[in-house]
Every structure is written in C-alpha cells, then in structure tokens.
Amino acid sequence: MTRNAFITGGNSGIGKEMARALAGQGYRVIIASRDLAKSQAAVDDIKTIQPTAEIEAMALDLGDFDDIDRFAPELLAKMPVIDVFMMNSGLYANPLRKLPNGFEAMIGIMHFGHFRLTRHILGAIKAASQGRIVVTSSVGHNGGKIDESSFKDPSMHWHPFFGYAQAKLANLLFTRELARRLAGTNVTVNAFHPGAVTTGIWAEMPGWHQKIIGLFLIDAIKGADTAVWLATSAEGGRYSGEYFVRRKLKSGSGISRDEALAARLWELSEQAM
C-alpha cells in the first residue's frame, strides 16, 4: 500500500530534503508553499535524481486563512489518508511584517496557519494505520515567551529574534497539547530542532548576523535527518509529545513544558479561527 506524506515548506532547505528522503523510501509526497513555481522546480529537481518518485507541488499561503480553507479540501481529494504530515514552513521576518489577517507574520504563519491547517486535515491523519505529525521547532524556543498582545500588536520594542523564538515556542507547545489530545489514538506528534541549517530563512537577518551564523551551519540533509527518522522509523513511532535534537530526546525549556500555557495557547488559537 502506498504511504502518503504531506510537507509544508517543502520547496527548499530541510523541507526539500524531507521530500527527497520520503520519496526515496516510496512515499507519495505532496509539498505545498506559497511559491508554486519554486515548489515545482524542487519537484523537478527531485525527479531528476529519482525518476520514479511520486511527488507533486501545490500552492498554499499559510498566512491567509481563506487560502488554507481553499487548499485543504483540494489536498484531501488527492490524499484522503495522510501517513506523515511534516509541519515545516518557517520564516524569519525582519523588519516586522503583519499579515492581512492581522497577525505578526512569524506567529501567524508558523503557528496559527499550521493550527488552522491541522484542524482541516487531522481526520486524514487519523485514517492512517499510524499517523505521524512532525513539527519543525528550534532550539531558539529557549529564548521565547508567549506574549498574547504581540500576536497582532507587537510593541515598539518588538524584535524579530523575539518573534522567531515565540513562534518556535508556540510550535513546541502545540506539539505537546496536540499529543495530549490525541493520546490513545494511532497518531503521534513530535517536534525537533534541525540545527542551524544552510537555508534561505536567514536571508532577512543583518549581514553580520549571517556571517556569525554561517560559521556554525550544517547542510540541509543533516538538518532533515531527525524529522525523517521521526516520520519513518519504528523507534521514532514510539514517542509522542516529545522534542528531539539529533535523534536524542530533549526536555526543551521549562516554558515549553507548561501544560497550562499549552492549553491556553490552544484556546487562543481556536478563538482566532
């Protein structure tokens, strides 16, 4: 039986490597991003290396709730069963950007957009024999806190580092709360830190920051490894609600384990829908 994998932000960096690896293992893969041309180019590149790969691209703007609502039924028509959902789309927005729906771009796309999308497709993941949701978080979550007021009205002291750290903390809180809600089902939910990966996400950082970070970057194949392991291995399937770095179980920050905060973020996310 063909296994299905869906990846947001699969047109470059670790997302593209996730797609390449899963297609290489025989998964039928759909990648989705706002830039359909770039996604199609990634598909063509993967097919050049793996001519038999079953992979296609779809257009999705996670910063637009209406587009998420349009996209979901189109995806489900193609994939009524989703074995693997890689929640990977990310960005580092500098300077401050707000989405048409009013949210600051990083929390709006990386958390609220993915939250809305997950609500639409969760039934298809539950329909898999063992559904797996893998969330790209970051060690940067350690510097984050949840400031509800900043979701739509960042203060004059707002800084992009805070916005990124908050969004990645939200990813981890979402992982833990979703796993709690899915306890006893056939779906696992785990998050991971890919490492500092050579991707375009750093492009909006100041030049001197890029130079410093560049000293520590790893390639996208290494960055995607833990995600692919969580999505496909027998060992990775034994965990849910956890956070991993280099395939090793990590506790994450104390805030990321705050069950009351995770429940509160879930409540706020539902209200935003």
C-alpha atoms as a PDB file:
ATOM      1  CA  MET A   1       0.000   0.000   0.000  1.00  0.00           C
ATOM      2  CA  THR A   2       1.297   3.439  -0.929  1.00  0.00           C
ATOM      3  CA  ARG A   3       2.093   5.670   2.029  1.00  0.00           C
ATOM      4  CA  ASN A   4       1.341   9.371   1.763  1.00  0.00           C
ATOM      5  CA  ALA A   5       3.377  12.298   3.082  1.00  0.00           C
ATOM      6  CA  PHE A   6       2.467  15.975   3.083  1.00  0.00           C
ATOM      7  CA  ILE A   7       5.074  18.665   3.736  1.00  0.00           C
ATOM      8  CA  THR A   8       4.619  22.397   4.159  1.00  0.00           C
ATOM      9  CA  GLY A   9       7.594  24.455   3.055  1.00  0.00           C
ATOM     10  CA  GLY A  10       8.980  21.562   1.065  1.00  0.00           C
ATOM     11  CA  ASN A  11      10.498  23.531  -1.787  1.00  0.00           C
ATOM     12  CA  SER A  12      13.920  24.293  -0.278  1.00  0.00           C
ATOM     13  CA  GLY A  13      16.234  23.577   2.640  1.00  0.00           C
ATOM     14  CA  ILE A  14      15.292  20.832   5.063  1.00  0.00           C
ATOM     15  CA  GLY A  15      11.767  20.614   3.644  1.00  0.00           C
ATOM     16  CA  LYS A  16      13.111  19.670   0.237  1.00  0.00           C
ATOM     17  CA  GLU A  17      15.410  17.106   1.845  1.00  0.00           C
ATOM     18  CA  MET A  18      12.455  15.670   3.774  1.00  0.00           C
ATOM     19  CA  ALA A  19      10.605  15.336   0.468  1.00  0.00           C
ATOM     20  CA  ARG A  20      13.565  13.754  -1.273  1.00  0.00           C
ATOM     21  CA  ALA A  21      14.126  11.254   1.543  1.00  0.00           C
ATOM     22  CA  LEU A  22      10.474  10.245   1.862  1.00  0.00           C
ATOM     23  CA  ALA A  23      10.047   9.908  -1.908  1.00  0.00           C
ATOM     24  CA  GLY A  24      13.165   7.749  -1.896  1.00  0.00           C
ATOM     25  CA  GLN A  25      11.516   5.475   0.665  1.00  0.00           C
ATOM     26  CA  GLY A  26       8.498   5.019  -1.590  1.00  0.00           C
ATOM     27  CA  TYR A  27       6.145   7.601  -0.107  1.00  0.00           C
ATOM     28  CA  ARG A  28       3.820   9.552  -2.342  1.00  0.00           C
ATOM     29  CA  VAL A  29       4.710  13.134  -1.454  1.00  0.00           C
ATOM     30  CA  ILE A  30       2.927  16.454  -1.798  1.00  0.00           C
ATOM     31  CA  ILE A  31       4.795  19.637  -0.964  1.00  0.00           C
ATOM     32  CA  ALA A  32       2.995  22.941  -0.519  1.00  0.00           C
ATOM     33  CA  SER A  33       4.171  26.525  -0.316  1.00  0.00           C
ATOM     34  CA  ARG A  34       3.087  29.963  -1.434  1.00  0.00           C
ATOM     35  CA  ASP A  35       5.598  29.957  -4.316  1.00  0.00           C
ATOM     36  CA  LEU A  36       4.231  27.264  -6.611  1.00  0.00           C
ATOM     37  CA  ALA A  37       6.906  27.825  -9.264  1.00  0.00           C
ATOM     38  CA  LYS A  38       9.672  27.261  -6.715  1.00  0.00           C
ATOM     39  CA  SER A  39       7.908  24.163  -5.404  1.00  0.00           C
ATOM     40  CA  GLN A  40       7.539  22.775  -8.916  1.00  0.00           C
ATOM     41  CA  ALA A  41      11.239  23.399  -9.522  1.00  0.00           C
ATOM     42  CA  ALA A  42      12.017  21.399  -6.365  1.00  0.00           C
ATOM     43  CA  VAL A  43       9.765  18.583  -7.596  1.00  0.00           C
ATOM     44  CA  ASP A  44      11.511  18.573 -10.980  1.00  0.00           C
ATOM     45  CA  ASP A  45      14.917  18.516  -9.302  1.00  0.00           C
ATOM     46  CA  ILE A  46      13.969  15.545  -7.116  1.00  0.00           C
ATOM     47  CA  LYS A  47      12.561  13.690 -10.120  1.00  0.00           C
ATOM     48  CA  THR A  48      15.804  14.267 -11.999  1.00  0.00           C
ATOM     49  CA  ILE A  49      17.605  12.325  -9.281  1.00  0.00           C
ATOM     50  CA  GLN A  50      14.738   9.907  -8.566  1.00  0.00           C
ATOM     51  CA  PRO A  51      12.789   9.474 -11.834  1.00  0.00           C
ATOM     52  CA  THR A  52      10.233   7.126 -10.249  1.00  0.00           C
ATOM     53  CA  ALA A  53       9.459   9.461  -7.342  1.00  0.00           C
ATOM     54  CA  GLU A  54       5.759  10.143  -6.774  1.00  0.00           C
ATOM     55  CA  ILE A  55       5.842  13.796  -5.829  1.00  0.00           C
ATOM     56  CA  GLU A  56       3.867  16.886  -6.730  1.00  0.00           C
ATOM     57  CA  ALA A  57       3.547  20.518  -5.718  1.00  0.00           C
ATOM     58  CA  MET A  58       0.544  22.527  -4.605  1.00  0.00           C
ATOM     59  CA  ALA A  59       0.079  26.206  -3.805  1.00  0.00           C
ATOM     60  CA  LEU A  60      -0.667  27.198  -0.206  1.00  0.00           C
ATOM     61  CA  ASP A  61      -0.379  30.516   1.616  1.00  0.00           C
ATOM     62  CA  LEU A  62      -0.297  29.748   5.340  1.00  0.00           C
ATOM     63  CA  GLY A  63      -0.591  33.444   6.067  1.00  0.00           C
ATOM     64  CA  ASP A  64      -4.078  33.578   4.562  1.00  0.00           C
ATOM     65  CA  PHE A  65      -6.853  31.733   6.391  1.00  0.00           C
ATOM     66  CA  ASP A  66      -9.103  31.818   3.321  1.00  0.00           C
ATOM     67  CA  ASP A  67      -6.389  30.172   1.242  1.00  0.00           C
ATOM     68  CA  ILE A  68      -5.911  27.473   3.877  1.00  0.00           C
ATOM     69  CA  ASP A  69      -9.662  26.797   3.721  1.00  0.00           C
ATOM     70  CA  ARG A  70      -9.445  26.590  -0.088  1.00  0.00           C
ATOM     71  CA  PHE A  71      -6.400  24.366  -0.049  1.00  0.00           C
ATOM     72  CA  ALA A  72      -7.449  21.743   2.499  1.00  0.00           C
ATOM     73  CA  PRO A  73     -10.251  20.067   0.518  1.00  0.00           C
ATOM     74  CA  GLU A  74      -8.051  20.045  -2.587  1.00  0.00           C
ATOM     75  CA  LEU A  75      -5.320  18.251  -0.636  1.00  0.00           C
ATOM     76  CA  LEU A  76      -7.770  15.786   0.904  1.00  0.00           C
ATOM     77  CA  ALA A  77      -9.171  14.969  -2.528  1.00  0.00           C
ATOM     78  CA  LYS A  78      -5.670  13.884  -3.514  1.00  0.00           C
ATOM     79  CA  MET A  79      -4.727  12.381  -0.131  1.00  0.00           C
ATOM     80  CA  PRO A  80      -7.730  11.149   1.860  1.00  0.00           C
ATOM     81  CA  VAL A  81      -5.217   9.319   4.052  1.00  0.00           C
ATOM     82  CA  ILE A  82      -2.077  11.099   5.247  1.00  0.00           C
ATOM     83  CA  ASP A  83       0.535   8.890   6.898  1.00  0.00           C
ATOM     84  CA  VAL A  84       3.041  11.682   7.541  1.00  0.00           C
ATOM     85  CA  PHE A  85       2.451  15.402   7.993  1.00  0.00           C
ATOM     86  CA  MET A  86       5.635  17.470   8.157  1.00  0.00           C
ATOM     87  CA  MET A  87       4.730  20.853   9.644  1.00  0.00           C
ATOM     88  CA  ASN A  88       7.798  22.636   8.341  1.00  0.00           C
ATOM     89  CA  SER A  89       7.049  26.051   6.821  1.00  0.00           C
ATOM     90  CA  GLY A  90       9.043  28.746   8.559  1.00  0.00           C
ATOM     91  CA  LEU A  91      10.400  32.244   8.193  1.00  0.00           C
ATOM     92  CA  TYR A  92      12.450  34.877   9.925  1.00  0.00           C
ATOM     93  CA  ALA A  93      10.748  38.223   9.260  1.00  0.00           C
ATOM     94  CA  ASN A  94      12.890  41.330   9.586  1.00  0.00           C
ATOM     95  CA  PRO A  95      11.650  44.018   9.685  1.00  0.00           C
ATOM     96  CA  LEU A  96       8.256  43.494  11.268  1.00  0.00           C
ATOM     97  CA  ARG A  97       5.588  42.245   8.883  1.00  0.00           C
ATOM     98  CA  LYS A  98       1.887  41.812   9.545  1.00  0.00           C
ATOM     99  CA  LEU A  99      -0.380  39.509   7.585  1.00  0.00           C
ATOM    100  CA  PRO A 100      -3.670  40.613   6.042  1.00  0.00           C
ATOM    101  CA  ASN A 101      -5.462  38.734   8.851  1.00  0.00           C
ATOM    102  CA  GLY A 102      -3.713  40.995  11.371  1.00  0.00           C
ATOM    103  CA  PHE A 103      -1.191  38.560  12.821  1.00  0.00           C
ATOM    104  CA  GLU A 104       2.531  39.242  13.062  1.00  0.00           C
ATOM    105  CA  ALA A 105       3.959  37.132  10.234  1.00  0.00           C
ATOM    106  CA  MET A 106       6.079  34.627  12.156  1.00  0.00           C
ATOM    107  CA  ILE A 107       3.490  33.604  14.762  1.00  0.00           C
ATOM    108  CA  GLY A 108       0.768  33.969  12.129  1.00  0.00           C
ATOM    109  CA  ILE A 109       2.313  31.551   9.657  1.00  0.00           C
ATOM    110  CA  MET A 110       4.342  29.154  11.788  1.00  0.00           C
ATOM    111  CA  HIS A 111       1.690  28.686  14.482  1.00  0.00           C
ATOM    112  CA  PHE A 112      -1.766  29.996  13.587  1.00  0.00           C
ATOM    113  CA  GLY A 113      -1.604  28.995   9.921  1.00  0.00           C
ATOM    114  CA  HIS A 114      -0.440  25.495  10.775  1.00  0.00           C
ATOM    115  CA  PHE A 115      -3.041  25.235  13.544  1.00  0.00           C
ATOM    116  CA  ARG A 116      -5.864  26.002  11.118  1.00  0.00           C
ATOM    117  CA  LEU A 117      -4.481  23.629   8.501  1.00  0.00           C
ATOM    118  CA  THR A 118      -4.088  20.809  11.030  1.00  0.00           C
ATOM    119  CA  ARG A 119      -7.728  21.127  12.080  1.00  0.00           C
ATOM    120  CA  HIS A 120      -8.756  20.590   8.445  1.00  0.00           C
ATOM    121  CA  ILE A 121      -6.597  17.532   7.762  1.00  0.00           C
ATOM    122  CA  LEU A 122      -6.418  15.762  11.130  1.00  0.00           C
ATOM    123  CA  GLY A 123      -9.125  13.296  10.121  1.00  0.00           C
ATOM    124  CA  ALA A 124      -6.989  12.125   7.197  1.00  0.00           C
ATOM    125  CA  ILE A 125      -4.014  11.629   9.526  1.00  0.00           C
ATOM    126  CA  LYS A 126      -6.175   9.635  11.937  1.00  0.00           C
ATOM    127  CA  ALA A 127      -7.217   7.461   8.986  1.00  0.00           C
ATOM    128  CA  ALA A 128      -3.639   6.203   8.589  1.00  0.00           C
ATOM    129  CA  SER A 129      -2.563   2.977  10.281  1.00  0.00           C
ATOM    130  CA  GLN A 130      -0.077   5.051  12.244  1.00  0.00           C
ATOM    131  CA  GLY A 131      -0.286   8.752  11.509  1.00  0.00           C
ATOM    132  CA  ARG A 132       2.777  10.795  12.329  1.00  0.00           C
ATOM    133  CA  ILE A 133       2.968  14.560  12.690  1.00  0.00           C
ATOM    134  CA  VAL A 134       6.460  16.047  12.800  1.00  0.00           C
ATOM    135  CA  VAL A 135       6.870  19.710  13.750  1.00  0.00           C
ATOM    136  CA  THR A 136       9.941  21.788  12.952  1.00  0.00           C
ATOM    137  CA  SER A 137      10.708  23.751  16.105  1.00  0.00           C
ATOM    138  CA  SER A 138      14.085  25.176  17.100  1.00  0.00           C
ATOM    139  CA  VAL A 139      16.490  25.442  20.000  1.00  0.00           C
ATOM    140  CA  GLY A 140      15.625  29.123  19.641  1.00  0.00           C
ATOM    141  CA  HIS A 141      12.419  28.380  21.544  1.00  0.00           C
ATOM    142  CA  ASN A 142      14.555  28.626  24.696  1.00  0.00           C
ATOM    143  CA  GLY A 143      14.599  32.392  24.254  1.00  0.00           C
ATOM    144  CA  GLY A 144      10.875  32.659  23.689  1.00  0.00           C
ATOM    145  CA  LYS A 145       7.850  33.538  25.757  1.00  0.00           C
ATOM    146  CA  ILE A 146       4.197  33.762  24.830  1.00  0.00           C
ATOM    147  CA  ASP A 147       3.061  37.384  24.737  1.00  0.00           C
ATOM    148  CA  GLU A 148      -0.560  37.347  23.630  1.00  0.00           C
ATOM    149  CA  SER A 149      -0.578  41.058  22.926  1.00  0.00           C
ATOM    150  CA  SER A 150       2.243  40.682  20.405  1.00  0.00           C
ATOM    151  CA  PHE A 151       0.292  38.299  18.188  1.00  0.00           C
ATOM    152  CA  LYS A 152      -1.442  41.192  16.469  1.00  0.00           C
ATOM    153  CA  ASP A 153       0.021  44.289  18.104  1.00  0.00           C
ATOM    154  CA  PRO A 154       3.780  43.991  18.626  1.00  0.00           C
ATOM    155  CA  SER A 155       5.110  46.793  20.833  1.00  0.00           C
ATOM    156  CA  MET A 156       7.582  49.430  19.762  1.00  0.00           C
ATOM    157  CA  HIS A 157      10.232  47.310  21.495  1.00  0.00           C
ATOM    158  CA  TRP A 158       9.395  44.220  19.428  1.00  0.00           C
ATOM    159  CA  HIS A 159      12.417  42.486  17.931  1.00  0.00           C
ATOM    160  CA  PRO A 160      12.494  39.809  15.206  1.00  0.00           C
ATOM    161  CA  PHE A 161      14.535  37.473  17.425  1.00  0.00           C
ATOM    162  CA  PHE A 162      11.699  37.560  19.961  1.00  0.00           C
ATOM    163  CA  GLY A 163       9.111  36.943  17.256  1.00  0.00           C
ATOM    164  CA  TYR A 164      11.002  33.928  15.908  1.00  0.00           C
ATOM    165  CA  ALA A 165      11.630  32.475  19.383  1.00  0.00           C
ATOM    166  CA  GLN A 166       7.978  32.951  20.328  1.00  0.00           C
ATOM    167  CA  ALA A 167       6.777  31.195  17.171  1.00  0.00           C
ATOM    168  CA  LYS A 168       9.110  28.254  17.733  1.00  0.00           C
ATOM    169  CA  LEU A 169       7.987  28.027  21.363  1.00  0.00           C
ATOM    170  CA  ALA A 170       4.398  28.014  20.107  1.00  0.00           C
ATOM    171  CA  ASN A 171       5.293  25.115  17.781  1.00  0.00           C
ATOM    172  CA  LEU A 172       6.544  23.113  20.741  1.00  0.00           C
ATOM    173  CA  LEU A 173       3.587  23.954  22.983  1.00  0.00           C
ATOM    174  CA  PHE A 174       1.251  22.982  20.128  1.00  0.00           C
ATOM    175  CA  THR A 175       3.110  19.682  19.737  1.00  0.00           C
ATOM    176  CA  ARG A 176       2.655  18.810  23.386  1.00  0.00           C
ATOM    177  CA  GLU A 177      -1.004  19.857  23.585  1.00  0.00           C
ATOM    178  CA  LEU A 178      -1.968  18.108  20.345  1.00  0.00           C
ATOM    179  CA  ALA A 179      -0.220  14.942  21.518  1.00  0.00           C
ATOM    180  CA  ARG A 180      -2.150  15.129  24.812  1.00  0.00           C
ATOM    181  CA  ARG A 181      -5.426  15.455  22.926  1.00  0.00           C
ATOM    182  CA  LEU A 182      -4.513  12.531  20.657  1.00  0.00           C
ATOM    183  CA  ALA A 183      -3.403  10.224  23.468  1.00  0.00           C
ATOM    184  CA  GLY A 184      -4.803   6.743  22.905  1.00  0.00           C
ATOM    185  CA  THR A 185      -5.173   7.238  19.143  1.00  0.00           C
ATOM    186  CA  ASN A 186      -2.949   5.966  16.349  1.00  0.00           C
ATOM    187  CA  VAL A 187      -1.382   9.407  15.768  1.00  0.00           C
ATOM    188  CA  THR A 188       1.934  10.565  17.213  1.00  0.00           C
ATOM    189  CA  VAL A 189       3.109  14.181  17.321  1.00  0.00           C
ATOM    190  CA  ASN A 190       6.725  15.164  17.911  1.00  0.00           C
ATOM    191  CA  ALA A 191       8.898  18.227  17.395  1.00  0.00           C
ATOM    192  CA  PHE A 192      12.574  18.566  16.580  1.00  0.00           C
ATOM    193  CA  HIS A 193      15.388  21.072  16.252  1.00  0.00           C
ATOM    194  CA  PRO A 194      17.105  20.701  12.857  1.00  0.00           C
ATOM    195  CA  GLY A 195      20.263  22.579  13.826  1.00  0.00           C
ATOM    196  CA  ALA A 196      21.485  25.765  12.205  1.00  0.00           C
ATOM    197  CA  VAL A 197      20.901  24.787   8.591  1.00  0.00           C
ATOM    198  CA  THR A 198      22.080  26.432   5.397  1.00  0.00           C
ATOM    199  CA  THR A 199      18.706  27.729   4.180  1.00  0.00           C
ATOM    200  CA  GLY A 200      17.145  30.956   2.974  1.00  0.00           C
ATOM    201  CA  ILE A 201      15.463  31.509   6.342  1.00  0.00           C
ATOM    202  CA  TRP A 202      18.432  33.594   7.473  1.00  0.00           C
ATOM    203  CA  ALA A 203      18.249  35.965   4.497  1.00  0.00           C
ATOM    204  CA  GLU A 204      16.480  38.737   6.396  1.00  0.00           C
ATOM    205  CA  MET A 205      18.981  38.812   9.236  1.00  0.00           C
ATOM    206  CA  PRO A 206      21.524  41.637   9.321  1.00  0.00           C
ATOM    207  CA  GLY A 207      24.657  40.789   7.358  1.00  0.00           C
ATOM    208  CA  TRP A 208      26.914  40.456  10.406  1.00  0.00           C
ATOM    209  CA  HIS A 209      24.472  38.013  11.993  1.00  0.00           C
ATOM    210  CA  GLN A 210      24.516  35.940   8.817  1.00  0.00           C
ATOM    211  CA  LYS A 211      28.320  35.797   8.897  1.00  0.00           C
ATOM    212  CA  ILE A 212      28.372  34.608  12.517  1.00  0.00           C
ATOM    213  CA  ILE A 213      25.655  32.023  11.970  1.00  0.00           C
ATOM    214  CA  GLY A 214      27.391  30.872   8.803  1.00  0.00           C
ATOM    215  CA  LEU A 215      30.288  29.585  10.913  1.00  0.00           C
ATOM    216  CA  PHE A 216      28.004  27.003  12.502  1.00  0.00           C
ATOM    217  CA  LEU A 217      25.672  25.994   9.661  1.00  0.00           C
ATOM    218  CA  ILE A 218      25.133  22.382   8.661  1.00  0.00           C
ATOM    219  CA  ASP A 219      23.755  21.127   5.368  1.00  0.00           C
ATOM    220  CA  ALA A 220      20.051  20.528   4.836  1.00  0.00           C
ATOM    221  CA  ILE A 221      20.433  16.751   4.592  1.00  0.00           C
ATOM    222  CA  LYS A 222      21.741  16.617   8.161  1.00  0.00           C
ATOM    223  CA  GLY A 223      19.108  19.103   9.241  1.00  0.00           C
ATOM    224  CA  ALA A 224      16.285  16.917   7.915  1.00  0.00           C
ATOM    225  CA  ASP A 225      17.618  13.665   9.375  1.00  0.00           C
ATOM    226  CA  THR A 226      15.791  13.749  12.716  1.00  0.00           C
ATOM    227  CA  ALA A 227      12.493  14.650  11.045  1.00  0.00           C
ATOM    228  CA  VAL A 228      12.743  11.746   8.608  1.00  0.00           C
ATOM    229  CA  TRP A 229      13.685   9.420  11.484  1.00  0.00           C
ATOM    230  CA  LEU A 230      10.635  10.537  13.478  1.00  0.00           C
ATOM    231  CA  ALA A 231       8.401  10.118  10.430  1.00  0.00           C
ATOM    232  CA  THR A 232       9.545   6.698   9.275  1.00  0.00           C
ATOM    233  CA  SER A 233      11.444   4.681  11.870  1.00  0.00           C
ATOM    234  CA  ALA A 234       9.984   2.169  14.285  1.00  0.00           C
ATOM    235  CA  GLU A 235      11.815   3.857  17.156  1.00  0.00           C
ATOM    236  CA  GLY A 236      10.539   7.317  16.219  1.00  0.00           C
ATOM    237  CA  GLY A 237       6.993   5.993  16.239  1.00  0.00           C
ATOM    238  CA  ARG A 238       7.211   5.047  19.908  1.00  0.00           C
ATOM    239  CA  TYR A 239       7.178   8.666  21.094  1.00  0.00           C
ATOM    240  CA  SER A 240       4.538  11.364  21.185  1.00  0.00           C
ATOM    241  CA  GLY A 241       4.545  14.865  22.629  1.00  0.00           C
ATOM    242  CA  GLU A 242       8.329  14.978  22.712  1.00  0.00           C
ATOM    243  CA  TYR A 243      11.169  17.149  21.431  1.00  0.00           C
ATOM    244  CA  PHE A 244      14.315  15.838  19.748  1.00  0.00           C
ATOM    245  CA  VAL A 245      17.734  17.128  18.748  1.00  0.00           C
ATOM    246  CA  ARG A 246      19.928  14.873  16.585  1.00  0.00           C
ATOM    247  CA  ARG A 247      17.571  11.956  17.284  1.00  0.00           C
ATOM    248  CA  LYS A 248      18.095  12.435  21.013  1.00  0.00           C
ATOM    249  CA  LEU A 249      15.196  13.129  23.363  1.00  0.00           C
ATOM    250  CA  LYS A 250      15.498  16.566  24.957  1.00  0.00           C
ATOM    251  CA  SER A 251      13.379  18.229  27.607  1.00  0.00           C
ATOM    252  CA  GLY A 252      13.138  21.649  25.977  1.00  0.00           C
ATOM    253  CA  SER A 253      12.697  24.791  28.038  1.00  0.00           C
ATOM    254  CA  GLY A 254      10.620  24.833  31.186  1.00  0.00           C
ATOM    255  CA  ILE A 255       8.091  27.094  29.482  1.00  0.00           C
ATOM    256  CA  SER A 256       7.720  24.587  26.644  1.00  0.00           C
ATOM    257  CA  ARG A 257       6.553  22.005  29.210  1.00  0.00           C
ATOM    258  CA  ASP A 258       3.975  24.286  30.833  1.00  0.00           C
ATOM    259  CA  GLU A 259       0.737  22.350  30.349  1.00  0.00           C
ATOM    260  CA  ALA A 260      -1.461  25.267  31.387  1.00  0.00           C
ATOM    261  CA  LEU A 261       0.260  27.554  28.886  1.00  0.00           C
ATOM    262  CA  ALA A 262      -0.100  24.956  26.128  1.00  0.00           C
ATOM    263  CA  ALA A 263      -3.813  24.684  26.870  1.00  0.00           C
ATOM    264  CA  ARG A 264      -4.137  28.475  26.914  1.00  0.00           C
ATOM    265  CA  LEU A 265      -2.399  28.800  23.535  1.00  0.00           C
ATOM    266  CA  TRP A 266      -4.747  26.158  22.136  1.00  0.00           C
ATOM    267  CA  GLU A 267      -7.741  28.119  23.428  1.00  0.00           C
ATOM    268  CA  LEU A 268      -6.444  31.345  21.874  1.00  0.00           C
ATOM    269  CA  SER A 269      -5.802  29.519  18.605  1.00  0.00           C
ATOM    270  CA  GLU A 270      -9.341  28.188  18.478  1.00  0.00           C
ATOM    271  CA  GLN A 271     -10.695  31.672  19.167  1.00  0.00           C
ATOM    272  CA  ALA A 272      -8.639  33.006  16.256  1.00  0.00           C
ATOM    273  CA  MET A 273     -10.215  30.565  13.849  1.00  0.00           C
END
